[in-house]
Amino acid sequence: MSIQAVAFVLDTHVPEVAAKMLLVCLANAHNQSTGLCCPSVARLAEESSMSRRSVQRWLKWLTENGLIETIGTSDDSGRQQSNEYRIVGFVRGAKLTPSPNGRGDTADTGEGVTGVTLGGVTGGTPLKKPEENRKKEREQADARISFEEIWKAFPRRRMTNRTEAEAEFAKLADDETHRCLTAAKRFHQWHIEDAAARNETAEKALEFRMGLAKWLRTEAWIAALTISLANDPVPVDAVTGWVYLAADHPDFQAVERMLGKKLTVHSAGGKRGFRIEEIEQARAQMSPSAAH
């Protein structure tokens, strides 16, 4: 366990409650010698109280949104082994050092890592969030979107099996239902725009659309969060607190320069999600002539 890694994750903005929980579990398995986290999916499922399927889905989400790097491993025979993970932005080798005021220990986490509070003594930025923020996060996590809202928002074909679709929706976590409603509204708008591009009526185009139950079961709704739209009814960044950028966007390229590597984009929509803080940090590191 790395106290510094856990502290870093706790102080990192993650818009999804399930993703934040899983990231904490990864940090709890951080190896200071290697800088990697090597827990099994079974261990992550047990510690996070999620199903193995949910763990795998959120690991993919964390990777696609730049919070972790997934490293595949194999044995001498080339057979694939469990993945390893690196927490993006965390500086390896942080150490606990005595507090200058002599009242306890604080984490000297190095550049870019927030200090951790131990024994009531604060070091650097406090880990605790303002009460109003914690209250808001609890309210958002507890308030589950009703299936009726999804049913009304999704472009449904005739004879859609409501019972089957509702059963698939029930498998989503509370926080996922909020994103799913956003996805349904965006998918509806895409349906209208795609029909117009094909010179078809929206009603006629319904014949070629995926059914709601399959849309939920195959997680096609996740792709709808980043699909390109001419008129977005619900801007994703306004809902999730994240900014989704194409690879040719100046801010996307600024983050690449800051990290010193090429970044991949989502398979759907050709965009990648970034934390607002990450973009601001990348802009701050740019030369005045390159800033915009």
Protein backbone atom coordinates (compact mmCIF):
# COMPACT_ATOMS: atom_id res chain seq x y z
CA MET A 1 0.00 0.00 0.00
CA SER A 2 1.18 3.52 -0.80
CA ILE A 3 -0.27 6.26 1.39
CA GLN A 4 1.04 8.86 -1.06
CA ALA A 5 -0.65 7.18 -4.04
CA VAL A 6 -3.96 6.99 -2.18
CA ALA A 7 -3.62 10.64 -1.14
CA PHE A 8 -2.90 11.66 -4.72
CA VAL A 9 -5.98 9.83 -5.99
CA LEU A 10 -8.22 11.25 -3.26
CA ASP A 11 -7.18 14.73 -4.33
CA THR A 12 -7.75 13.97 -8.04
CA HIS A 13 -10.97 15.08 -9.69
CA VAL A 14 -12.84 12.08 -11.12
CA PRO A 15 -16.42 12.82 -12.23
CA GLU A 16 -17.66 9.24 -11.83
CA VAL A 17 -18.09 7.82 -8.32
CA ALA A 18 -17.45 4.22 -9.39
CA ALA A 19 -14.32 5.22 -11.30
CA LYS A 20 -13.01 7.17 -8.29
CA MET A 21 -13.56 4.17 -6.02
CA LEU A 22 -11.73 1.86 -8.39
CA LEU A 23 -8.84 4.32 -8.71
CA VAL A 24 -8.50 4.36 -4.91
CA CYS A 25 -8.37 0.56 -4.92
CA LEU A 26 -5.61 0.67 -7.54
CA ALA A 27 -3.67 3.20 -5.48
CA ASN A 28 -4.06 0.92 -2.46
CA ALA A 29 -2.12 -1.71 -4.43
CA HIS A 30 0.59 0.71 -5.60
CA ASN A 31 4.15 -0.66 -5.41
CA GLN A 32 6.61 2.14 -4.60
CA SER A 33 9.54 0.16 -5.96
CA THR A 34 8.11 -0.36 -9.43
CA GLY A 35 5.65 2.54 -9.57
CA LEU A 36 2.98 0.11 -10.77
CA CYS A 37 -0.27 -1.26 -9.40
CA CYS A 38 -0.71 -5.00 -9.91
CA PRO A 39 -4.00 -6.11 -8.33
CA SER A 40 -6.07 -8.84 -9.91
CA VAL A 41 -9.56 -8.11 -11.22
CA ALA A 42 -10.89 -10.40 -8.48
CA ARG A 43 -9.18 -8.33 -5.79
CA LEU A 44 -10.44 -5.07 -7.29
CA ALA A 45 -13.95 -6.48 -7.45
CA GLU A 46 -13.82 -7.49 -3.78
CA GLU A 47 -12.38 -4.19 -2.52
CA SER A 48 -14.66 -1.98 -4.63
CA SER A 49 -17.82 -4.09 -4.11
CA MET A 50 -18.29 -4.22 -7.89
CA SER A 51 -18.82 -7.11 -10.24
CA ARG A 52 -15.84 -8.28 -12.31
CA ARG A 53 -17.62 -6.97 -15.40
CA SER A 54 -18.02 -3.52 -13.84
CA VAL A 55 -14.38 -3.49 -12.76
CA GLN A 56 -13.25 -4.26 -16.31
CA ARG A 57 -15.57 -1.61 -17.73
CA TRP A 58 -14.31 1.09 -15.35
CA LEU A 59 -10.67 0.10 -15.86
CA LYS A 60 -11.26 0.73 -19.55
CA TRP A 61 -12.91 4.07 -18.73
CA LEU A 62 -9.99 5.13 -16.52
CA THR A 63 -7.55 4.23 -19.29
CA GLU A 64 -9.48 6.01 -22.04
CA ASN A 65 -9.81 9.15 -19.92
CA GLY A 66 -6.10 9.36 -19.18
CA LEU A 67 -6.18 8.56 -15.47
CA ILE A 68 -4.27 5.29 -15.70
CA GLU A 69 -2.06 3.48 -18.17
CA THR A 70 -2.78 -0.22 -18.68
CA ILE A 71 0.29 -2.37 -19.28
CA GLY A 72 -0.17 -5.88 -20.65
CA THR A 73 2.20 -8.56 -19.36
CA SER A 74 3.08 -12.12 -20.44
CA ASP A 75 5.14 -14.99 -19.16
CA ASP A 76 8.20 -16.56 -20.82
CA SER A 77 5.99 -18.63 -23.10
CA GLY A 78 4.19 -15.53 -24.33
CA ARG A 79 0.97 -16.36 -22.53
CA GLN A 80 -0.89 -13.27 -21.34
CA GLN A 81 -0.80 -12.56 -17.62
CA SER A 82 -2.69 -10.08 -15.43
CA ASN A 83 -2.41 -6.44 -16.46
CA GLU A 84 -0.42 -3.87 -14.52
CA TYR A 85 -1.48 -0.25 -14.13
CA ARG A 86 0.29 3.08 -13.73
CA ILE A 87 -1.51 6.04 -12.13
CA VAL A 88 -0.99 8.96 -14.52
CA GLY A 89 0.58 12.00 -12.88
CA PHE A 90 1.69 10.30 -9.67
CA VAL A 91 5.38 10.74 -8.91
CA ARG A 92 7.03 7.52 -7.81
CA GLY A 93 9.31 7.50 -4.78
CA ALA A 94 7.47 9.93 -2.51
CA LYS A 95 8.45 9.57 1.15
CA LEU A 96 6.94 10.47 4.49
CA THR A 97 9.03 13.00 6.35
CA PRO A 98 8.56 14.56 9.79
CA SER A 99 6.48 17.72 9.81
CA PRO A 100 8.52 20.91 10.36
CA ASN A 101 6.27 21.86 13.27
CA GLY A 102 7.01 18.58 15.00
CA ARG A 103 3.34 17.70 15.54
CA GLY A 104 3.14 14.74 13.20
CA ASP A 105 4.02 13.42 9.78
CA THR A 106 3.17 14.84 6.40
CA ALA A 107 3.78 13.44 2.97
CA ASP A 108 6.60 14.98 0.98
CA THR A 109 5.16 13.75 -2.27
CA GLY A 110 7.35 15.61 -4.70
CA GLU A 111 6.35 17.71 -7.67
CA GLY A 112 2.71 17.54 -8.68
CA VAL A 113 1.54 15.46 -5.70
CA THR A 114 -0.62 16.84 -2.93
CA GLY A 115 0.43 16.32 0.69
CA VAL A 116 -1.51 13.90 2.85
CA THR A 117 -3.01 14.59 6.26
CA LEU A 118 -1.80 12.27 9.01
CA GLY A 119 -2.64 12.45 12.68
CA GLY A 120 -4.58 15.68 12.25
CA VAL A 121 -1.65 17.58 10.75
CA THR A 122 -2.02 19.02 7.27
CA GLY A 123 0.64 18.99 4.61
CA GLY A 124 0.13 21.03 1.44
CA THR A 125 -3.40 21.16 0.10
CA PRO A 126 -5.97 19.56 2.47
CA LEU A 127 -7.42 16.30 1.22
CA LYS A 128 -10.88 17.01 2.57
CA LYS A 129 -13.28 18.66 0.17
CA PRO A 130 -15.63 21.44 1.22
CA GLU A 131 -18.80 20.08 2.79
CA GLU A 132 -21.02 21.49 0.06
CA ASN A 133 -19.00 19.58 -2.57
CA ARG A 134 -19.25 16.32 -0.65
CA LYS A 135 -22.98 16.84 -0.19
CA LYS A 136 -23.43 17.49 -3.90
CA GLU A 137 -21.47 14.34 -4.81
CA ARG A 138 -23.59 12.24 -2.43
CA GLU A 139 -26.81 13.65 -3.84
CA GLN A 140 -25.69 12.99 -7.42
CA ALA A 141 -24.67 9.42 -6.59
CA ASP A 142 -27.87 8.64 -4.64
CA ALA A 143 -30.33 10.11 -7.16
CA ARG A 144 -31.01 7.39 -9.72
CA ILE A 145 -32.45 8.33 -13.08
CA SER A 146 -35.75 6.54 -13.70
CA PHE A 147 -36.11 4.13 -16.61
CA GLU A 148 -39.11 6.16 -17.79
CA GLU A 149 -36.76 9.06 -18.63
CA ILE A 150 -34.56 6.76 -20.73
CA TRP A 151 -37.64 5.25 -22.38
CA LYS A 152 -38.87 8.68 -23.46
CA ALA A 153 -35.48 9.97 -24.63
CA PHE A 154 -34.34 6.98 -26.71
CA PRO A 155 -35.40 6.73 -30.40
CA ARG A 156 -37.37 3.48 -30.17
CA ARG A 157 -38.47 1.14 -32.92
CA ARG A 158 -41.99 -0.23 -33.00
CA MET A 159 -42.66 -3.18 -30.72
CA THR A 160 -39.65 -2.43 -28.54
CA ASN A 161 -39.59 -4.87 -25.62
CA ARG A 162 -39.88 -2.59 -22.60
CA THR A 163 -39.49 -5.37 -20.04
CA GLU A 164 -36.20 -6.55 -21.54
CA ALA A 165 -34.86 -3.01 -21.83
CA GLU A 166 -35.84 -2.16 -18.25
CA ALA A 167 -34.06 -5.29 -16.99
CA GLU A 168 -30.85 -4.21 -18.72
CA PHE A 169 -31.18 -0.68 -17.35
CA ALA A 170 -31.55 -2.07 -13.82
CA LYS A 171 -28.00 -3.45 -14.07
CA LEU A 172 -26.51 0.05 -14.27
CA ALA A 173 -25.09 1.72 -11.18
CA ASP A 174 -26.88 4.85 -9.95
CA ASP A 175 -24.20 7.20 -11.25
CA GLU A 176 -24.21 5.40 -14.61
CA THR A 177 -27.90 6.15 -15.10
CA HIS A 178 -27.12 9.87 -15.29
CA ARG A 179 -24.60 9.31 -18.06
CA CYS A 180 -26.99 6.91 -19.77
CA LEU A 181 -29.72 9.57 -19.96
CA THR A 182 -27.22 11.98 -21.50
CA ALA A 183 -26.25 9.27 -23.97
CA ALA A 184 -29.90 8.59 -24.88
CA LYS A 185 -30.53 12.27 -25.63
CA ARG A 186 -27.37 12.52 -27.72
CA PHE A 187 -28.18 9.28 -29.56
CA HIS A 188 -31.64 10.64 -30.36
CA GLN A 189 -30.09 13.78 -31.84
CA TRP A 190 -27.62 11.69 -33.85
CA HIS A 191 -30.55 9.59 -35.13
CA ILE A 192 -32.26 12.75 -36.43
CA GLU A 193 -29.09 14.14 -38.02
CA ASP A 194 -28.16 10.80 -39.61
CA ALA A 195 -31.66 10.38 -41.06
CA ALA A 196 -31.51 13.87 -42.56
CA ALA A 197 -28.09 13.14 -44.09
CA ARG A 198 -29.57 10.05 -45.75
CA ASN A 199 -32.63 11.98 -46.99
CA GLU A 200 -34.87 9.76 -44.87
CA THR A 201 -37.54 10.57 -42.32
CA ALA A 202 -36.63 9.94 -38.69
CA GLU A 203 -39.48 7.41 -38.54
CA LYS A 204 -38.15 5.46 -41.52
CA ALA A 205 -34.61 5.45 -40.10
CA LEU A 206 -35.84 3.77 -36.91
CA GLU A 207 -35.95 0.48 -38.80
CA PHE A 208 -32.16 0.43 -38.88
CA ARG A 209 -31.51 1.48 -35.27
CA MET A 210 -30.37 -0.79 -32.49
CA GLY A 211 -33.04 -1.78 -29.98
CA LEU A 212 -32.93 -0.19 -26.54
CA ALA A 213 -32.20 -3.44 -24.67
CA LYS A 214 -29.25 -4.27 -26.93
CA TRP A 215 -28.06 -0.64 -26.79
CA LEU A 216 -27.83 -0.98 -23.02
CA ARG A 217 -26.56 -4.56 -22.89
CA THR A 218 -23.68 -4.01 -25.34
CA GLU A 219 -22.74 -0.69 -23.69
CA ALA A 220 -23.30 1.14 -26.97
CA TRP A 221 -24.61 3.99 -24.84
CA ILE A 222 -21.04 4.76 -23.72
CA ALA A 223 -20.04 5.47 -27.32
CA ALA A 224 -22.96 7.88 -27.63
CA LEU A 225 -21.34 10.12 -25.03
CA THR A 226 -18.63 11.15 -27.50
CA ILE A 227 -20.33 10.76 -30.86
CA SER A 228 -19.98 13.82 -33.13
CA LEU A 229 -23.10 15.99 -33.40
CA ALA A 230 -23.93 19.15 -35.32
CA ASN A 231 -26.25 20.26 -32.52
CA ASP A 232 -25.48 18.71 -29.16
CA PRO A 233 -28.59 18.74 -26.91
CA VAL A 234 -26.53 18.02 -23.80
CA PRO A 235 -22.85 19.09 -23.98
CA VAL A 236 -20.90 16.29 -22.37
CA ASP A 237 -18.42 18.56 -20.61
CA ALA A 238 -21.25 20.47 -18.94
CA VAL A 239 -22.70 17.27 -17.55
CA THR A 240 -19.60 15.34 -16.54
CA GLY A 241 -17.12 18.10 -15.82
CA TRP A 242 -14.79 16.76 -18.50
CA VAL A 243 -13.74 18.26 -21.82
CA TYR A 244 -13.74 16.01 -24.89
CA LEU A 245 -11.30 17.04 -27.63
CA ALA A 246 -10.29 15.82 -31.07
CA ALA A 247 -6.61 15.01 -31.69
CA ASP A 248 -6.10 18.15 -33.79
CA HIS A 249 -7.33 20.49 -31.04
CA PRO A 250 -4.59 22.79 -29.61
CA ASP A 251 -5.40 21.78 -26.04
CA PHE A 252 -5.18 18.08 -26.94
CA GLN A 253 -1.74 18.70 -28.42
CA ALA A 254 -0.71 20.79 -25.42
CA VAL A 255 -1.44 17.89 -23.09
CA GLU A 256 0.55 15.58 -25.35
CA ARG A 257 3.55 17.93 -25.15
CA MET A 258 3.20 18.14 -21.39
CA LEU A 259 3.13 14.34 -21.03
CA GLY A 260 5.77 13.83 -23.71
CA LYS A 261 3.87 11.15 -25.60
CA LYS A 262 1.15 10.60 -28.17
CA LEU A 263 -2.33 9.99 -26.79
CA THR A 264 -4.99 7.73 -28.23
CA VAL A 265 -8.58 8.83 -28.83
CA HIS A 266 -11.89 7.10 -28.23
CA SER A 267 -12.90 4.67 -30.92
CA ALA A 268 -16.24 6.45 -31.16
CA GLY A 269 -16.35 10.12 -32.02
CA GLY A 270 -12.59 10.45 -32.46
CA LYS A 271 -12.22 12.32 -29.16
CA ARG A 272 -10.58 11.88 -25.78
CA GLY A 273 -11.69 13.11 -22.37
CA PHE A 274 -9.49 15.40 -20.28
CA ARG A 275 -9.85 16.82 -16.81
CA ILE A 276 -10.14 20.59 -16.91
CA GLU A 277 -7.24 20.84 -14.45
CA GLU A 278 -5.06 18.81 -16.81
CA ILE A 279 -5.77 21.17 -19.70
CA GLU A 280 -5.04 24.23 -17.54
CA GLN A 281 -1.74 22.69 -16.44
CA ALA A 282 -0.78 21.99 -20.06
CA ARG A 283 -1.62 25.55 -21.07
CA ALA A 284 0.47 26.92 -18.20
CA GLN A 285 3.50 24.99 -19.43
CA MET A 286 3.23 26.35 -22.95
CA SER A 287 5.42 29.23 -24.06
CA PRO A 288 3.68 32.63 -24.32
CA SER A 289 3.93 32.50 -28.11
CA ALA A 290 2.22 29.12 -28.27
CA ALA A 291 -0.54 29.88 -25.79
CA HIS A 292 -3.95 30.83 -27.04
